[in-house]
C-alpha atoms as a PDB file:
ATOM      1  CA  UNK A   1     200.752 -26.242 -58.488  1.00  0.00           C
ATOM      2  CA  UNK A   2     199.066 -29.239 -60.134  1.00  0.00           C
ATOM      3  CA  UNK A   3     200.777 -31.497 -62.662  1.00  0.00           C
ATOM      4  CA  UNK A   4     200.217 -30.550 -66.299  1.00  0.00           C
ATOM      5  CA  UNK A   5     197.554 -32.863 -67.753  1.00  0.00           C
ATOM      6  CA  UNK A   6     199.220 -33.438 -71.105  1.00  0.00           C
ATOM      7  CA  UNK A   7     197.740 -33.754 -74.592  1.00  0.00           C
ATOM      8  CA  UNK A   8     194.203 -35.107 -74.478  1.00  0.00           C
ATOM      9  CA  UNK A   9     192.537 -36.993 -77.315  1.00  0.00           C
ATOM     10  CA  UNK A  10     190.300 -33.956 -77.917  1.00  0.00           C
ATOM     11  CA  UNK A  11     193.292 -31.647 -78.352  1.00  0.00           C
ATOM     12  CA  UNK A  12     195.011 -34.095 -80.710  1.00  0.00           C
ATOM     13  CA  UNK A  13     191.893 -34.407 -82.872  1.00  0.00           C
ATOM     14  CA  UNK A  14     191.638 -30.632 -83.106  1.00  0.00           C
ATOM     15  CA  UNK A  15     195.314 -30.400 -84.114  1.00  0.00           C
ATOM     16  CA  UNK A  16     194.762 -32.907 -86.908  1.00  0.00           C
ATOM     17  CA  UNK A  17     191.569 -31.163 -87.992  1.00  0.00           C
ATOM     18  CA  UNK A  18     193.492 -27.936 -88.594  1.00  0.00           C
ATOM     19  CA  UNK A  19     195.609 -29.736 -91.201  1.00  0.00           C
ATOM     20  CA  UNK A  20     192.510 -29.940 -93.410  1.00  0.00           C
ATOM     21  CA  UNK A  21     191.394 -26.332 -94.162  1.00  0.00           C
ATOM     22  CA  UNK A  22     187.975 -27.389 -95.513  1.00  0.00           C
ATOM     23  CA  UNK A  23     187.172 -29.569 -92.523  1.00  0.00           C
ATOM     24  CA  UNK A  24     183.753 -28.981 -90.944  1.00  0.00           C
ATOM     25  CA  UNK A  25     184.573 -30.698 -87.656  1.00  0.00           C
ATOM     26  CA  UNK A  26     182.119 -33.538 -88.275  1.00  0.00           C
ATOM     27  CA  UNK A  27     184.868 -36.139 -88.471  1.00  0.00           C
ATOM     28  CA  UNK A  28     186.514 -35.011 -85.235  1.00  0.00           C
ATOM     29  CA  UNK A  29     183.125 -34.873 -83.520  1.00  0.00           C
ATOM     30  CA  UNK A  30     182.316 -38.399 -84.633  1.00  0.00           C
ATOM     31  CA  UNK A  31     185.636 -39.753 -83.341  1.00  0.00           C
ATOM     32  CA  UNK A  32     185.150 -38.057 -80.007  1.00  0.00           C
ATOM     33  CA  UNK A  33     181.677 -39.578 -79.632  1.00  0.00           C
ATOM     34  CA  UNK A  34     183.222 -42.973 -80.357  1.00  0.00           C
ATOM     35  CA  UNK A  35     185.873 -42.389 -77.690  1.00  0.00           C
ATOM     36  CA  UNK A  36     183.136 -41.756 -75.126  1.00  0.00           C
ATOM     37  CA  UNK A  37     181.554 -45.088 -76.033  1.00  0.00           C
ATOM     38  CA  UNK A  38     184.920 -46.815 -75.526  1.00  0.00           C
ATOM     39  CA  UNK A  39     185.231 -45.228 -72.080  1.00  0.00           C
ATOM     40  CA  UNK A  40     181.843 -46.695 -71.140  1.00  0.00           C
ATOM     41  CA  UNK A  41     182.947 -50.158 -72.302  1.00  0.00           C
ATOM     42  CA  UNK A  42     186.272 -49.836 -70.440  1.00  0.00           C
ATOM     43  CA  UNK A  43     184.443 -48.946 -67.226  1.00  0.00           C
ATOM     44  CA  UNK A  44     182.134 -51.934 -67.555  1.00  0.00           C
ATOM     45  CA  UNK A  45     185.014 -54.304 -68.368  1.00  0.00           C
ATOM     46  CA  UNK A  46     186.933 -53.136 -65.299  1.00  0.00           C
ATOM     47  CA  UNK A  47     184.064 -53.864 -62.928  1.00  0.00           C
ATOM     48  CA  UNK A  48     182.576 -56.842 -64.757  1.00  0.00           C
ATOM     49  CA  UNK A  49     183.381 -59.338 -61.990  1.00  0.00           C
ATOM     50  CA  UNK A  50     181.473 -57.213 -59.467  1.00  0.00           C
ATOM     51  CA  UNK A  51     178.393 -56.644 -61.609  1.00  0.00           C
ATOM     52  CA  UNK A  52     177.479 -60.189 -62.688  1.00  0.00           C
ATOM     53  CA  UNK A  53     178.283 -59.406 -66.306  1.00  0.00           C
ATOM     54  CA  UNK A  54     180.817 -62.196 -66.808  1.00  0.00           C
ATOM     55  CA  UNK A  55     179.977 -65.460 -68.536  1.00  0.00           C
ATOM     56  CA  UNK A  56     177.916 -66.647 -71.493  1.00  0.00           C
ATOM     57  CA  UNK A  57     174.809 -64.779 -72.560  1.00  0.00           C
ATOM     58  CA  UNK A  58     173.074 -67.941 -73.785  1.00  0.00           C
ATOM     59  CA  UNK A  59     173.042 -66.793 -77.426  1.00  0.00           C
ATOM     60  CA  UNK A  60     175.207 -66.913 -80.555  1.00  0.00           C
ATOM     61  CA  UNK A  61     176.193 -64.173 -82.988  1.00  0.00           C
ATOM     62  CA  UNK A  62     175.986 -64.139 -86.784  1.00  0.00           C
ATOM     63  CA  UNK A  63     179.310 -66.020 -86.887  1.00  0.00           C
ATOM     64  CA  UNK A  64     177.769 -68.879 -84.902  1.00  0.00           C
ATOM     65  CA  UNK A  65     179.967 -68.091 -81.904  1.00  0.00           C
ATOM     66  CA  UNK A  66     178.755 -68.145 -78.313  1.00  0.00           C
ATOM     67  CA  UNK A  67     178.198 -64.589 -77.116  1.00  0.00           C
ATOM     68  CA  UNK A  68     179.446 -63.341 -73.795  1.00  0.00           C
ATOM     69  CA  UNK A  69     177.395 -60.885 -71.765  1.00  0.00           C
ATOM     70  CA  UNK A  70     180.053 -58.236 -72.337  1.00  0.00           C
ATOM     71  CA  UNK A  71     179.884 -58.873 -76.114  1.00  0.00           C
ATOM     72  CA  UNK A  72     176.253 -57.828 -76.090  1.00  0.00           C
ATOM     73  CA  UNK A  73     176.885 -54.891 -73.766  1.00  0.00           C
ATOM     74  CA  UNK A  74     179.746 -53.531 -75.910  1.00  0.00           C
ATOM     75  CA  UNK A  75     177.780 -53.962 -79.134  1.00  0.00           C
ATOM     76  CA  UNK A  76     174.700 -52.243 -77.724  1.00  0.00           C
ATOM     77  CA  UNK A  77     176.756 -49.423 -76.222  1.00  0.00           C
ATOM     78  CA  UNK A  78     178.446 -48.516 -79.499  1.00  0.00           C
ATOM     79  CA  UNK A  79     175.223 -48.706 -81.508  1.00  0.00           C
ATOM     80  CA  UNK A  80     173.293 -46.533 -79.055  1.00  0.00           C
ATOM     81  CA  UNK A  81     176.175 -44.085 -78.672  1.00  0.00           C
ATOM     82  CA  UNK A  82     176.696 -43.562 -82.395  1.00  0.00           C
ATOM     83  CA  UNK A  83     173.239 -43.859 -83.956  1.00  0.00           C
ATOM     84  CA  UNK A  84     172.010 -40.396 -82.928  1.00  0.00           C
ATOM     85  CA  UNK A  85     175.029 -38.220 -83.711  1.00  0.00           C
ATOM     86  CA  UNK A  86     174.080 -37.309 -87.289  1.00  0.00           C
ATOM     87  CA  UNK A  87     177.615 -38.035 -88.496  1.00  0.00           C
ATOM     88  CA  UNK A  88     176.894 -41.578 -89.723  1.00  0.00           C
ATOM     89  CA  UNK A  89     174.551 -42.982 -92.328  1.00  0.00           C
ATOM     90  CA  UNK A  90     175.031 -46.515 -91.020  1.00  0.00           C
ATOM     91  CA  UNK A  91     177.127 -49.006 -89.108  1.00  0.00           C
ATOM     92  CA  UNK A  92     178.211 -52.618 -89.363  1.00  0.00           C
ATOM     93  CA  UNK A  93     179.114 -54.813 -86.408  1.00  0.00           C
ATOM     94  CA  UNK A  94     180.734 -58.213 -86.241  1.00  0.00           C
ATOM     95  CA  UNK A  95     177.829 -59.186 -83.983  1.00  0.00           C
ATOM     96  CA  UNK A  96     175.075 -58.147 -86.433  1.00  0.00           C
ATOM     97  CA  UNK A  97     174.064 -59.990 -89.615  1.00  0.00           C
ATOM     98  CA  UNK A  98     173.175 -56.918 -91.700  1.00  0.00           C
ATOM     99  CA  UNK A  99     174.209 -53.283 -91.878  1.00  0.00           C
ATOM    100  CA  UNK A 100     172.614 -51.044 -89.270  1.00  0.00           C
ATOM    101  CA  UNK A 101     170.605 -48.287 -90.953  1.00  0.00           C
ATOM    102  CA  UNK A 102     170.277 -45.058 -89.013  1.00  0.00           C
ATOM    103  CA  UNK A 103     169.006 -42.735 -91.761  1.00  0.00           C
ATOM    104  CA  UNK A 104     165.487 -42.976 -90.280  1.00  0.00           C
ATOM    105  CA  UNK A 105     166.720 -40.934 -87.326  1.00  0.00           C
ATOM    106  CA  UNK A 106     168.537 -38.470 -89.570  1.00  0.00           C
ATOM    107  CA  UNK A 107     166.781 -38.316 -92.965  1.00  0.00           C
ATOM    108  CA  UNK A 108     169.538 -36.141 -94.436  1.00  0.00           C
ATOM    109  CA  UNK A 109     171.988 -38.994 -93.842  1.00  0.00           C
ATOM    110  CA  UNK A 110     175.499 -38.776 -92.458  1.00  0.00           C
ATOM    111  CA  UNK A 111     178.716 -38.693 -94.482  1.00  0.00           C
ATOM    112  CA  UNK A 112     180.435 -41.702 -92.913  1.00  0.00           C
ATOM    113  CA  UNK A 113     180.058 -45.406 -92.185  1.00  0.00           C
ATOM    114  CA  UNK A 114     181.462 -47.134 -89.110  1.00  0.00           C
ATOM    115  CA  UNK A 115     182.457 -50.786 -88.818  1.00  0.00           C
ATOM    116  CA  UNK A 116     183.486 -52.351 -85.528  1.00  0.00           C
ATOM    117  CA  UNK A 117     184.319 -55.476 -83.606  1.00  0.00           C
ATOM    118  CA  UNK A 118     182.761 -54.461 -80.275  1.00  0.00           C
ATOM    119  CA  UNK A 119     184.760 -56.840 -78.091  1.00  0.00           C
ATOM    120  CA  UNK A 120     187.638 -58.724 -79.653  1.00  0.00           C
ATOM    121  CA  UNK A 121     188.996 -61.679 -77.680  1.00  0.00           C
ATOM    122  CA  UNK A 122     185.789 -62.185 -75.728  1.00  0.00           C
ATOM    123  CA  UNK A 123     186.628 -65.835 -75.029  1.00  0.00           C
ATOM    124  CA  UNK A 124     189.259 -64.436 -72.626  1.00  0.00           C
ATOM    125  CA  UNK A 125     186.826 -62.271 -70.658  1.00  0.00           C
ATOM    126  CA  UNK A 126     186.267 -64.675 -67.775  1.00  0.00           C
ATOM    127  CA  UNK A 127     189.989 -65.188 -67.133  1.00  0.00           C
ATOM    128  CA  UNK A 128     190.906 -61.477 -66.982  1.00  0.00           C
ATOM    129  CA  UNK A 129     193.056 -61.445 -70.130  1.00  0.00           C
ATOM    130  CA  UNK A 130     193.340 -58.276 -72.225  1.00  0.00           C
ATOM    131  CA  UNK A 131     190.531 -57.740 -74.729  1.00  0.00           C
ATOM    132  CA  UNK A 132     189.654 -54.828 -76.982  1.00  0.00           C
ATOM    133  CA  UNK A 133     187.474 -52.982 -79.492  1.00  0.00           C
ATOM    134  CA  UNK A 134     188.475 -52.445 -83.134  1.00  0.00           C
ATOM    135  CA  UNK A 135     186.915 -49.903 -85.505  1.00  0.00           C
ATOM    136  CA  UNK A 136     187.171 -48.592 -89.066  1.00  0.00           C
ATOM    137  CA  UNK A 137     185.624 -45.519 -90.711  1.00  0.00           C
ATOM    138  CA  UNK A 138     184.949 -44.892 -94.408  1.00  0.00           C
ATOM    139  CA  UNK A 139     183.335 -42.050 -96.287  1.00  0.00           C
ATOM    140  CA  UNK A 140     179.918 -42.928 -97.695  1.00  0.00           C
ATOM    141  CA  UNK A 141     180.185 -43.443-101.471  1.00  0.00           C
ATOM    142  CA  UNK A 142     176.575 -43.891-102.631  1.00  0.00           C
ATOM    143  CA  UNK A 143     174.173 -41.024-103.360  1.00  0.00           C
ATOM    144  CA  UNK A 144     171.167 -42.579-101.629  1.00  0.00           C
ATOM    145  CA  UNK A 145     170.205 -41.102 -98.210  1.00  0.00           C
ATOM    146  CA  UNK A 146     170.281 -44.584 -96.724  1.00  0.00           C
ATOM    147  CA  UNK A 147     173.437 -46.660 -96.698  1.00  0.00           C
ATOM    148  CA  UNK A 148     173.933 -49.385 -99.238  1.00  0.00           C
ATOM    149  CA  UNK A 149     176.184 -52.416 -98.986  1.00  0.00           C
ATOM    150  CA  UNK A 150     178.628 -50.787-101.419  1.00  0.00           C
ATOM    151  CA  UNK A 151     179.292 -48.069 -98.824  1.00  0.00           C
ATOM    152  CA  UNK A 152     180.812 -50.759 -96.605  1.00  0.00           C
ATOM    153  CA  UNK A 153     182.460 -53.071 -99.147  1.00  0.00           C
ATOM    154  CA  UNK A 154     185.412 -50.784 -99.745  1.00  0.00           C
ATOM    155  CA  UNK A 155     189.093 -51.749 -99.776  1.00  0.00           C
ATOM    156  CA  UNK A 156     191.168 -50.695 -96.798  1.00  0.00           C
ATOM    157  CA  UNK A 157     193.146 -48.205 -98.881  1.00  0.00           C
ATOM    158  CA  UNK A 158     189.965 -46.044 -98.811  1.00  0.00           C
ATOM    159  CA  UNK A 159     189.894 -45.870 -95.019  1.00  0.00           C
ATOM    160  CA  UNK A 160     189.615 -42.473 -93.380  1.00  0.00           C
ATOM    161  CA  UNK A 161     190.500 -43.735 -89.919  1.00  0.00           C
ATOM    162  CA  UNK A 162     190.946 -46.893 -87.900  1.00  0.00           C
ATOM    163  CA  UNK A 163     191.886 -47.753 -84.363  1.00  0.00           C
ATOM    164  CA  UNK A 164     191.344 -49.881 -81.319  1.00  0.00           C
ATOM    165  CA  UNK A 165     191.017 -49.764 -77.581  1.00  0.00           C
ATOM    166  CA  UNK A 166     192.772 -52.404 -75.507  1.00  0.00           C
ATOM    167  CA  UNK A 167     191.430 -53.073 -72.019  1.00  0.00           C
ATOM    168  CA  UNK A 168     194.298 -54.449 -69.969  1.00  0.00           C
ATOM    169  CA  UNK A 169     196.423 -53.326 -67.022  1.00  0.00           C
ATOM    170  CA  UNK A 170     195.553 -49.883 -68.355  1.00  0.00           C
ATOM    171  CA  UNK A 171     193.113 -48.859 -71.073  1.00  0.00           C
ATOM    172  CA  UNK A 172     194.771 -47.610 -74.244  1.00  0.00           C
ATOM    173  CA  UNK A 173     193.254 -46.019 -77.338  1.00  0.00           C
ATOM    174  CA  UNK A 174     195.326 -46.249 -80.528  1.00  0.00           C
ATOM    175  CA  UNK A 175     194.193 -44.626 -83.754  1.00  0.00           C
ATOM    176  CA  UNK A 176     195.244 -43.157 -87.088  1.00  0.00           C
ATOM    177  CA  UNK A 177     193.618 -40.810 -89.570  1.00  0.00           C
ATOM    178  CA  UNK A 178     196.408 -41.419 -92.070  1.00  0.00           C
ATOM    179  CA  UNK A 179     198.731 -38.933 -90.358  1.00  0.00           C
ATOM    180  CA  UNK A 180     200.737 -41.454 -88.367  1.00  0.00           C
ATOM    181  CA  UNK A 181     199.565 -43.533 -85.436  1.00  0.00           C
ATOM    182  CA  UNK A 182     199.175 -42.319 -81.857  1.00  0.00           C
ATOM    183  CA  UNK A 183     198.466 -44.067 -78.559  1.00  0.00           C
ATOM    184  CA  UNK A 184     196.591 -42.630 -75.584  1.00  0.00           C
ATOM    185  CA  UNK A 185     196.295 -44.043 -72.076  1.00  0.00           C
ATOM    186  CA  UNK A 186     193.131 -43.516 -70.048  1.00  0.00           C
ATOM    187  CA  UNK A 187     193.784 -41.590 -66.837  1.00  0.00           C
ATOM    188  CA  UNK A 188     191.031 -42.947 -64.551  1.00  0.00           C
ATOM    189  CA  UNK A 189     191.471 -40.024 -62.164  1.00  0.00           C
ATOM    190  CA  UNK A 190     190.262 -37.444 -64.683  1.00  0.00           C
ATOM    191  CA  UNK A 191     188.484 -39.749 -67.130  1.00  0.00           C
ATOM    192  CA  UNK A 192     190.551 -38.588 -70.107  1.00  0.00           C
ATOM    193  CA  UNK A 193     192.733 -40.323 -72.680  1.00  0.00           C
ATOM    194  CA  UNK A 194     196.196 -38.714 -72.473  1.00  0.00           C
ATOM    195  CA  UNK A 195     198.769 -38.956 -75.272  1.00  0.00           C
ATOM    196  CA  UNK A 196     201.343 -41.486 -74.069  1.00  0.00           C
ATOM    197  CA  UNK A 197     202.710 -42.939 -77.338  1.00  0.00           C
ATOM    198  CA  UNK A 198     203.048 -40.216 -80.012  1.00  0.00           C
ATOM    199  CA  UNK A 199     204.020 -41.152 -83.574  1.00  0.00           C
ATOM    200  CA  UNK A 200     204.273 -44.860 -82.859  1.00  0.00           C
ATOM    201  CA  UNK A 201     206.680 -46.866 -85.018  1.00  0.00           C
ATOM    202  CA  UNK A 202     207.024 -50.610 -85.051  1.00  0.00           C
ATOM    203  CA  UNK A 203     210.541 -52.098 -85.398  1.00  0.00           C
ATOM    204  CA  UNK A 204     211.530 -53.074 -88.945  1.00  0.00           C
ATOM    205  CA  UNK A 205     212.275 -56.575 -87.663  1.00  0.00           C
ATOM    206  CA  UNK A 206     210.997 -58.213 -84.523  1.00  0.00           C
ATOM    207  CA  UNK A 207     211.875 -61.045 -82.164  1.00  0.00           C
ATOM    208  CA  UNK A 208     208.396 -62.480 -81.558  1.00  0.00           C
ATOM    209  CA  UNK A 209     206.171 -64.801 -83.571  1.00  0.00           C
ATOM    210  CA  UNK A 210     202.510 -65.185 -82.631  1.00  0.00           C
ATOM    211  CA  UNK A 211     200.437 -68.115 -83.854  1.00  0.00           C
ATOM    212  CA  UNK A 212     198.099 -70.690 -82.357  1.00  0.00           C
ATOM    213  CA  UNK A 213     200.311 -73.778 -82.502  1.00  0.00           C
ATOM    214  CA  UNK A 214     197.429 -75.875 -81.197  1.00  0.00           C
ATOM    215  CA  UNK A 215     196.157 -75.763 -84.795  1.00  0.00           C
ATOM    216  CA  UNK A 216     199.398 -77.188 -86.222  1.00  0.00           C
ATOM    217  CA  UNK A 217     197.822 -80.562 -86.994  1.00  0.00           C
ATOM    218  CA  UNK A 218     195.638 -78.766 -89.561  1.00  0.00           C
ATOM    219  CA  UNK A 219     198.386 -76.635 -91.159  1.00  0.00           C
ATOM    220  CA  UNK A 220     199.650 -77.068 -94.697  1.00  0.00           C
ATOM    221  CA  UNK A 221     203.346 -77.529 -95.435  1.00  0.00           C
ATOM    222  CA  UNK A 222     203.871 -73.827 -96.155  1.00  0.00           C
ATOM    223  CA  UNK A 223     202.771 -72.863 -92.667  1.00  0.00           C
ATOM    224  CA  UNK A 224     204.790 -75.609 -90.991  1.00  0.00           C
ATOM    225  CA  UNK A 225     207.979 -74.518 -92.785  1.00  0.00           C
ATOM    226  CA  UNK A 226     207.234 -70.874 -92.003  1.00  0.00           C
ATOM    227  CA  UNK A 227     206.879 -71.484 -88.268  1.00  0.00           C
ATOM    228  CA  UNK A 228     209.916 -73.780 -88.240  1.00  0.00           C
ATOM    229  CA  UNK A 229     211.893 -70.915 -89.790  1.00  0.00           C
ATOM    230  CA  UNK A 230     211.101 -68.567 -86.903  1.00  0.00           C
ATOM    231  CA  UNK A 231     211.910 -71.312 -84.371  1.00  0.00           C
ATOM    232  CA  UNK A 232     215.233 -72.261 -85.981  1.00  0.00           C
ATOM    233  CA  UNK A 233     218.513 -71.331 -84.316  1.00  0.00           C
ATOM    234  CA  UNK A 234     220.451 -68.787 -86.390  1.00  0.00           C
ATOM    235  CA  UNK A 235     222.181 -66.030 -84.436  1.00  0.00           C
ATOM    236  CA  UNK A 236     223.070 -64.089 -87.593  1.00  0.00           C
ATOM    237  CA  UNK A 237     219.379 -63.452 -88.288  1.00  0.00           C
ATOM    238  CA  UNK A 238     218.269 -63.092 -84.671  1.00  0.00           C
ATOM    239  CA  UNK A 239     216.591 -66.482 -84.455  1.00  0.00           C
ATOM    240  CA  UNK A 240     215.008 -68.282 -82.775  1.00  0.00           C
ATOM    241  CA  UNK A 241     212.153 -65.862 -82.184  1.00  0.00           C
ATOM    242  CA  UNK A 242     210.209 -66.023 -78.931  1.00  0.00           C
ATOM    243  CA  UNK A 243     206.678 -67.426 -79.100  1.00  0.00           C
ATOM    244  CA  UNK A 244     203.967 -65.185 -77.647  1.00  0.00           C
ATOM    245  CA  UNK A 245     200.270 -65.873 -78.255  1.00  0.00           C
ATOM    246  CA  UNK A 246     197.467 -64.444 -76.134  1.00  0.00           C
ATOM    247  CA  UNK A 247     194.509 -65.492 -78.282  1.00  0.00           C
ATOM    248  CA  UNK A 248     193.103 -61.969 -78.261  1.00  0.00           C
ATOM    249  CA  UNK A 249     193.978 -60.401 -81.625  1.00  0.00           C
ATOM    250  CA  UNK A 250     193.997 -56.807 -80.456  1.00  0.00           C
ATOM    251  CA  UNK A 251     196.282 -57.668 -77.520  1.00  0.00           C
ATOM    252  CA  UNK A 252     198.670 -59.734 -79.671  1.00  0.00           C
ATOM    253  CA  UNK A 253     198.747 -56.982 -82.288  1.00  0.00           C
ATOM    254  CA  UNK A 254     199.327 -54.251 -79.693  1.00  0.00           C
ATOM    255  CA  UNK A 255     202.297 -56.083 -78.149  1.00  0.00           C
ATOM    256  CA  UNK A 256     203.905 -56.736 -81.522  1.00  0.00           C
ATOM    257  CA  UNK A 257     203.251 -53.159 -82.656  1.00  0.00           C
ATOM    258  CA  UNK A 258     205.276 -51.869 -79.718  1.00  0.00           C
ATOM    259  CA  UNK A 259     207.973 -54.547 -79.561  1.00  0.00           C
ATOM    260  CA  UNK A 260     208.149 -55.832 -83.126  1.00  0.00           C
ATOM    261  CA  UNK A 261     207.229 -59.246 -84.437  1.00  0.00           C
ATOM    262  CA  UNK A 262     204.806 -61.142 -86.634  1.00  0.00           C
ATOM    263  CA  UNK A 263     201.237 -62.303 -85.969  1.00  0.00           C
ATOM    264  CA  UNK A 264     200.033 -65.172 -88.160  1.00  0.00           C
ATOM    265  CA  UNK A 265     196.578 -66.673 -88.583  1.00  0.00           C
ATOM    266  CA  UNK A 266     196.919 -68.946 -91.618  1.00  0.00           C
ATOM    267  CA  UNK A 267     194.244 -70.928 -93.417  1.00  0.00           C
ATOM    268  CA  UNK A 268     194.018 -74.559 -92.334  1.00  0.00           C
ATOM    269  CA  UNK A 269     191.963 -77.668 -92.956  1.00  0.00           C
ATOM    270  CA  UNK A 270     189.170 -76.468 -90.659  1.00  0.00           C
ATOM    271  CA  UNK A 271     189.146 -72.868 -91.934  1.00  0.00           C
ATOM    272  CA  UNK A 272     190.430 -72.917 -95.530  1.00  0.00           C
ATOM    273  CA  UNK A 273     189.423 -69.275 -96.067  1.00  0.00           C
ATOM    274  CA  UNK A 274     190.958 -68.168 -92.791  1.00  0.00           C
ATOM    275  CA  UNK A 275     189.152 -67.313 -89.584  1.00  0.00           C
ATOM    276  CA  UNK A 276     189.656 -63.601 -88.937  1.00  0.00           C
ATOM    277  CA  UNK A 277     187.163 -61.075 -90.306  1.00  0.00           C
ATOM    278  CA  UNK A 278     188.515 -58.996 -93.154  1.00  0.00           C
ATOM    279  CA  UNK A 279     186.455 -55.868 -92.513  1.00  0.00           C
ATOM    280  CA  UNK A 280     186.276 -55.798 -88.719  1.00  0.00           C
ATOM    281  CA  UNK A 281     189.754 -57.042 -87.813  1.00  0.00           C
ATOM    282  CA  UNK A 282     192.247 -57.450 -90.668  1.00  0.00           C
ATOM    283  CA  UNK A 283     191.665 -54.206 -92.586  1.00  0.00           C
ATOM    284  CA  UNK A 284     191.686 -51.757 -89.652  1.00  0.00           C
ATOM    285  CA  UNK A 285     194.740 -53.378 -88.059  1.00  0.00           C
ATOM    286  CA  UNK A 286     196.525 -53.519 -91.433  1.00  0.00           C
ATOM    287  CA  UNK A 287     195.905 -49.776 -91.811  1.00  0.00           C
ATOM    288  CA  UNK A 288     197.452 -49.164 -88.403  1.00  0.00           C
ATOM    289  CA  UNK A 289     200.376 -51.495 -89.088  1.00  0.00           C
ATOM    290  CA  UNK A 290     201.267 -49.646 -92.281  1.00  0.00           C
ATOM    291  CA  UNK A 291     200.947 -46.257 -90.575  1.00  0.00           C
ATOM    292  CA  UNK A 292     203.499 -47.521 -88.037  1.00  0.00           C
ATOM    293  CA  UNK A 293     205.895 -48.766 -90.720  1.00  0.00           C
ATOM    294  CA  UNK A 294     204.736 -52.387 -90.725  1.00  0.00           C
ATOM    295  CA  UNK A 295     202.879 -54.519 -93.262  1.00  0.00           C
ATOM    296  CA  UNK A 296     199.984 -56.963 -93.615  1.00  0.00           C
ATOM    297  CA  UNK A 297     199.224 -59.605 -96.254  1.00  0.00           C
ATOM    298  CA  UNK A 298     196.947 -62.607 -96.820  1.00  0.00           C
ATOM    299  CA  UNK A 299     197.993 -66.155 -97.736  1.00  0.00           C
ATOM    300  CA  UNK A 300     198.374 -65.208-101.413  1.00  0.00           C
ATOM    301  CA  UNK A 301     200.825 -62.469-100.535  1.00  0.00           C
ATOM    302  CA  UNK A 302     198.297 -59.732-101.315  1.00  0.00           C
ATOM    303  CA  UNK A 303     198.404 -56.471 -99.382  1.00  0.00           C
ATOM    304  CA  UNK A 304     195.384 -56.568 -97.070  1.00  0.00           C
ATOM    305  CA  UNK A 305     194.477 -52.938 -97.839  1.00  0.00           C
ATOM    306  CA  UNK A 306     194.168 -53.740-101.576  1.00  0.00           C
ATOM    307  CA  UNK A 307     191.565 -56.485-101.133  1.00  0.00           C
ATOM    308  CA  UNK A 308     188.052 -55.475-102.228  1.00  0.00           C
ATOM    309  CA  UNK A 309     185.582 -57.249 -99.899  1.00  0.00           C
ATOM    310  CA  UNK A 310     182.831 -59.385-101.427  1.00  0.00           C
ATOM    311  CA  UNK A 311     180.655 -59.684 -98.343  1.00  0.00           C
ATOM    312  CA  UNK A 312     180.124 -58.055 -94.978  1.00  0.00           C
ATOM    313  CA  UNK A 313     181.447 -60.921 -92.853  1.00  0.00           C
ATOM    314  CA  UNK A 314     184.194 -62.138 -95.174  1.00  0.00           C
ATOM    315  CA  UNK A 315     187.050 -64.031 -93.558  1.00  0.00           C
ATOM    316  CA  UNK A 316     190.717 -63.924 -94.437  1.00  0.00           C
ATOM    317  CA  UNK A 317     194.090 -65.380 -93.482  1.00  0.00           C
ATOM    318  CA  UNK A 318     196.312 -62.713 -91.925  1.00  0.00           C
ATOM    319  CA  UNK A 319     200.054 -62.147 -91.540  1.00  0.00           C
ATOM    320  CA  UNK A 320     200.754 -58.794 -89.912  1.00  0.00           C
ATOM    321  CA  UNK A 321     203.589 -57.053 -88.106  1.00  0.00           C
ATOM    322  CA  UNK A 322     207.142 -55.849 -88.671  1.00  0.00           C
ATOM    323  CA  UNK A 323     207.898 -55.219 -92.333  1.00  0.00           C
ATOM    324  CA  UNK A 324     210.901 -57.536 -92.661  1.00  0.00           C
ATOM    325  CA  UNK A 325     209.085 -60.358 -90.882  1.00  0.00           C
ATOM    326  CA  UNK A 326     206.090 -60.040 -93.210  1.00  0.00           C
ATOM    327  CA  UNK A 327     208.470 -60.123 -96.173  1.00  0.00           C
ATOM    328  CA  UNK A 328     209.998 -63.309 -94.772  1.00  0.00           C
ATOM    329  CA  UNK A 329     206.539 -64.875 -94.509  1.00  0.00           C
ATOM    330  CA  UNK A 330     205.763 -63.846 -98.080  1.00  0.00           C
ATOM    331  CA  UNK A 331     208.711 -65.915 -99.332  1.00  0.00           C
ATOM    332  CA  UNK A 332     207.028 -69.034 -97.971  1.00  0.00           C
ATOM    333  CA  UNK A 333     203.630 -68.156 -99.437  1.00  0.00           C
ATOM    334  CA  UNK A 334     204.347 -67.199-103.054  1.00  0.00           C
END
């Protein structure tokens, strides 16, 4: 007799759908279509070295960053996978300057908007370090059939769902619809995401700090004192913390989510407004952190999910991870 397959992502989505009696199934259908797109990206990432898809593409994105070939592939895959479903009225990608209108294909317009970072950590692609995809979903707020910018410039507390895929030694899909956070591992033998980490909770206090110390020459005094605190020897408070920094946000976040700790990307002299993207990176991961019992703030001590974005590609400082560690950081900031 074969081994029981376990809970698939499809089954889990259906279970959550039943908790909303008026649900039409559109939301679950949209998430499942997105999952298929992530499987396509995972497959391409896993065989990239064999298919001449590593390396620079010879172009830059709207952020002025050099694009990798896999950046373009992941971006195109998600756009083409999601623009014909009828569930969305529009999308926004970290790789695209403007919102992506899809109402022309579906004049009635969809009920949701999707934002995504198609391939986070792409500078690590050529050295086989874990990378990932991050996404966020909101309900459309305007009455116009086409999307407007206001449909996207919503605070994170309005999110309907957020998640990420991390492409590493295995491919994992982690998501939340506000009913806790669950992790699924892709079984390559059957091509299905199987529930491997139900009801994920991050430790209240961690033992890891994650920050790019190569930027320390540009830090202000607050940041220097903050990092020195985590490096100081104090057995009563579990210090010093161990330093772990991959340079791929989704991978650093995923490790700290499971093991506990704090990820920090402060403002500095070169990036006084911070470097991470509020809408494509900080907000969706902050939503997941809070669902797992963690927290996320900016350099003013503001809860990330309370910030109302001003622009599509807004940047922000980010401190995210175990709740007690974020509270410790806050003491240095305010």
